[in-house]
Amino acid sequence: MSGVEHSTYYDRKLRQSPALIRARRPYLVKNTLVGLGITAFALGVYTYTIRVVGQDDFDDVQVPSGPQPTLPQRAQGQNQQSSIQAQSQVPAKK
């Protein structure tokens, strides 16, 4: 395996030994407090961000009237306009 089975801190069923529990005991409270602090900070930042973004009403943003044409659509529109202009310049026969 990966060396876990040879460790003195775990038995053959990969359960913690009493030695590992004793070694972790001094850090249990400190690690729990640090974990709770990090979690509280992350939740605070998330809550603050959601509240600040929720207050914005986006009145300063101008909404376009319709979708903007893509480059091929623009080229096609210009070709149609030039053909219409060319037809209007041809004198009509009487």
C-alpha atoms as a PDB file:
ATOM      1  CA  MET A   1       0.000   0.000   0.000  1.00  0.00           C
ATOM      2  CA  SER A   2       1.004   3.628   0.435  1.00  0.00           C
ATOM      3  CA  GLY A   3       2.786   3.164   3.730  1.00  0.00           C
ATOM      4  CA  VAL A   4      -0.266   3.707   5.922  1.00  0.00           C
ATOM      5  CA  GLU A   5      -0.345   0.089   7.004  1.00  0.00           C
ATOM      6  CA  HIS A   6       3.210   0.404   8.377  1.00  0.00           C
ATOM      7  CA  SER A   7       2.406   3.457  10.492  1.00  0.00           C
ATOM      8  CA  THR A   8       2.303   3.047  14.249  1.00  0.00           C
ATOM      9  CA  TYR A   9      -0.624   5.475  14.499  1.00  0.00           C
ATOM     10  CA  TYR A  10      -3.090   3.221  12.628  1.00  0.00           C
ATOM     11  CA  ASP A  11      -4.036  -0.418  13.100  1.00  0.00           C
ATOM     12  CA  ARG A  12      -4.648  -2.940  10.292  1.00  0.00           C
ATOM     13  CA  LYS A  13      -8.214  -1.691   9.762  1.00  0.00           C
ATOM     14  CA  LEU A  14      -6.900   1.897   9.425  1.00  0.00           C
ATOM     15  CA  ARG A  15      -8.468   3.035  12.706  1.00  0.00           C
ATOM     16  CA  GLN A  16      -6.728   5.604  14.883  1.00  0.00           C
ATOM     17  CA  SER A  17      -4.583   4.183  17.614  1.00  0.00           C
ATOM     18  CA  PRO A  18      -4.648   5.558  21.163  1.00  0.00           C
ATOM     19  CA  ALA A  19      -1.220   7.102  20.485  1.00  0.00           C
ATOM     20  CA  LEU A  20      -2.599   9.130  17.567  1.00  0.00           C
ATOM     21  CA  ILE A  21      -5.559  10.301  19.636  1.00  0.00           C
ATOM     22  CA  ARG A  22      -3.173  11.419  22.388  1.00  0.00           C
ATOM     23  CA  ALA A  23      -0.934  13.196  19.850  1.00  0.00           C
ATOM     24  CA  ARG A  24      -3.871  15.113  18.367  1.00  0.00           C
ATOM     25  CA  ARG A  25      -5.523  16.074  21.651  1.00  0.00           C
ATOM     26  CA  PRO A  26      -3.516  19.313  22.299  1.00  0.00           C
ATOM     27  CA  TYR A  27      -4.414  20.639  18.836  1.00  0.00           C
ATOM     28  CA  LEU A  28      -8.095  19.700  18.815  1.00  0.00           C
ATOM     29  CA  VAL A  29      -9.424  22.921  20.370  1.00  0.00           C
ATOM     30  CA  LYS A  30      -7.002  25.182  18.465  1.00  0.00           C
ATOM     31  CA  ASN A  31      -7.811  23.581  15.115  1.00  0.00           C
ATOM     32  CA  THR A  32     -11.541  23.742  15.818  1.00  0.00           C
ATOM     33  CA  LEU A  33     -11.355  27.455  16.665  1.00  0.00           C
ATOM     34  CA  VAL A  34      -9.299  28.224  13.565  1.00  0.00           C
ATOM     35  CA  GLY A  35     -11.737  26.248  11.392  1.00  0.00           C
ATOM     36  CA  LEU A  36     -14.716  28.061  12.877  1.00  0.00           C
ATOM     37  CA  GLY A  37     -12.958  31.410  12.374  1.00  0.00           C
ATOM     38  CA  ILE A  38     -12.219  30.700   8.713  1.00  0.00           C
ATOM     39  CA  THR A  39     -15.787  29.502   8.137  1.00  0.00           C
ATOM     40  CA  ALA A  40     -17.236  32.599   9.837  1.00  0.00           C
ATOM     41  CA  PHE A  41     -15.006  34.870   7.747  1.00  0.00           C
ATOM     42  CA  ALA A  42     -16.011  33.159   4.486  1.00  0.00           C
ATOM     43  CA  LEU A  43     -19.713  33.337   5.355  1.00  0.00           C
ATOM     44  CA  GLY A  44     -19.340  36.995   6.337  1.00  0.00           C
ATOM     45  CA  VAL A  45     -17.701  37.905   3.033  1.00  0.00           C
ATOM     46  CA  TYR A  46     -20.386  35.976   1.130  1.00  0.00           C
ATOM     47  CA  THR A  47     -23.220  37.658   3.037  1.00  0.00           C
ATOM     48  CA  TYR A  48     -21.698  41.123   2.638  1.00  0.00           C
ATOM     49  CA  THR A  49     -21.207  40.593  -1.102  1.00  0.00           C
ATOM     50  CA  ILE A  50     -24.775  39.402  -1.653  1.00  0.00           C
ATOM     51  CA  ARG A  51     -26.189  42.373   0.280  1.00  0.00           C
ATOM     52  CA  VAL A  52     -24.074  44.948  -1.553  1.00  0.00           C
ATOM     53  CA  VAL A  53     -24.857  43.523  -4.992  1.00  0.00           C
ATOM     54  CA  GLY A  54     -28.544  43.226  -4.091  1.00  0.00           C
ATOM     55  CA  GLN A  55     -28.737  46.968  -3.358  1.00  0.00           C
ATOM     56  CA  ASP A  56     -27.654  47.965  -6.853  1.00  0.00           C
ATOM     57  CA  ASP A  57     -30.601  48.831  -9.093  1.00  0.00           C
ATOM     58  CA  PHE A  58     -28.580  49.192 -12.332  1.00  0.00           C
ATOM     59  CA  ASP A  59     -30.307  52.468 -13.324  1.00  0.00           C
ATOM     60  CA  ASP A  60     -27.068  53.732 -14.850  1.00  0.00           C
ATOM     61  CA  VAL A  61     -26.843  50.820 -17.319  1.00  0.00           C
ATOM     62  CA  GLN A  62     -28.307  51.478 -20.751  1.00  0.00           C
ATOM     63  CA  VAL A  63     -30.101  48.467 -22.191  1.00  0.00           C
ATOM     64  CA  PRO A  64     -29.792  48.151 -25.984  1.00  0.00           C
ATOM     65  CA  SER A  65     -33.022  48.063 -27.989  1.00  0.00           C
ATOM     66  CA  GLY A  66     -32.139  44.805 -29.713  1.00  0.00           C
ATOM     67  CA  PRO A  67     -29.324  42.384 -30.354  1.00  0.00           C
ATOM     68  CA  GLN A  68     -26.312  43.802 -32.126  1.00  0.00           C
ATOM     69  CA  PRO A  69     -25.605  42.239 -35.538  1.00  0.00           C
ATOM     70  CA  THR A  70     -22.536  40.094 -35.898  1.00  0.00           C
ATOM     71  CA  LEU A  71     -19.773  40.891 -38.395  1.00  0.00           C
ATOM     72  CA  PRO A  72     -21.117  38.616 -41.191  1.00  0.00           C
ATOM     73  CA  GLN A  73     -24.613  40.066 -40.694  1.00  0.00           C
ATOM     74  CA  ARG A  74     -23.216  43.600 -40.940  1.00  0.00           C
ATOM     75  CA  ALA A  75     -21.409  42.748 -44.186  1.00  0.00           C
ATOM     76  CA  GLN A  76     -24.575  41.204 -45.607  1.00  0.00           C
ATOM     77  CA  GLY A  77     -26.586  44.292 -44.631  1.00  0.00           C
ATOM     78  CA  GLN A  78     -24.081  46.592 -46.320  1.00  0.00           C
ATOM     79  CA  ASN A  79     -24.232  44.494 -49.508  1.00  0.00           C
ATOM     80  CA  GLN A  80     -28.023  44.744 -49.533  1.00  0.00           C
ATOM     81  CA  GLN A  81     -27.913  48.512 -48.996  1.00  0.00           C
ATOM     82  CA  SER A  82     -25.419  49.008 -51.825  1.00  0.00           C
ATOM     83  CA  SER A  83     -27.552  46.927 -54.214  1.00  0.00           C
ATOM     84  CA  ILE A  84     -30.659  48.958 -53.270  1.00  0.00           C
ATOM     85  CA  GLN A  85     -28.766  52.210 -53.883  1.00  0.00           C
ATOM     86  CA  ALA A  86     -27.518  50.924 -57.251  1.00  0.00           C
ATOM     87  CA  GLN A  87     -31.055  50.032 -58.332  1.00  0.00           C
ATOM     88  CA  SER A  88     -32.398  53.425 -57.348  1.00  0.00           C
ATOM     89  CA  GLN A  89     -29.736  55.222 -59.417  1.00  0.00           C
ATOM     90  CA  VAL A  90     -30.699  53.409 -62.644  1.00  0.00           C
ATOM     91  CA  PRO A  91     -33.003  55.677 -64.683  1.00  0.00           C
ATOM     92  CA  ALA A  92     -36.423  54.227 -65.328  1.00  0.00           C
ATOM     93  CA  LYS A  93     -37.422  53.657 -69.002  1.00  0.00           C
ATOM     94  CA  LYS A  94     -40.594  55.246 -70.315  1.00  0.00           C
END
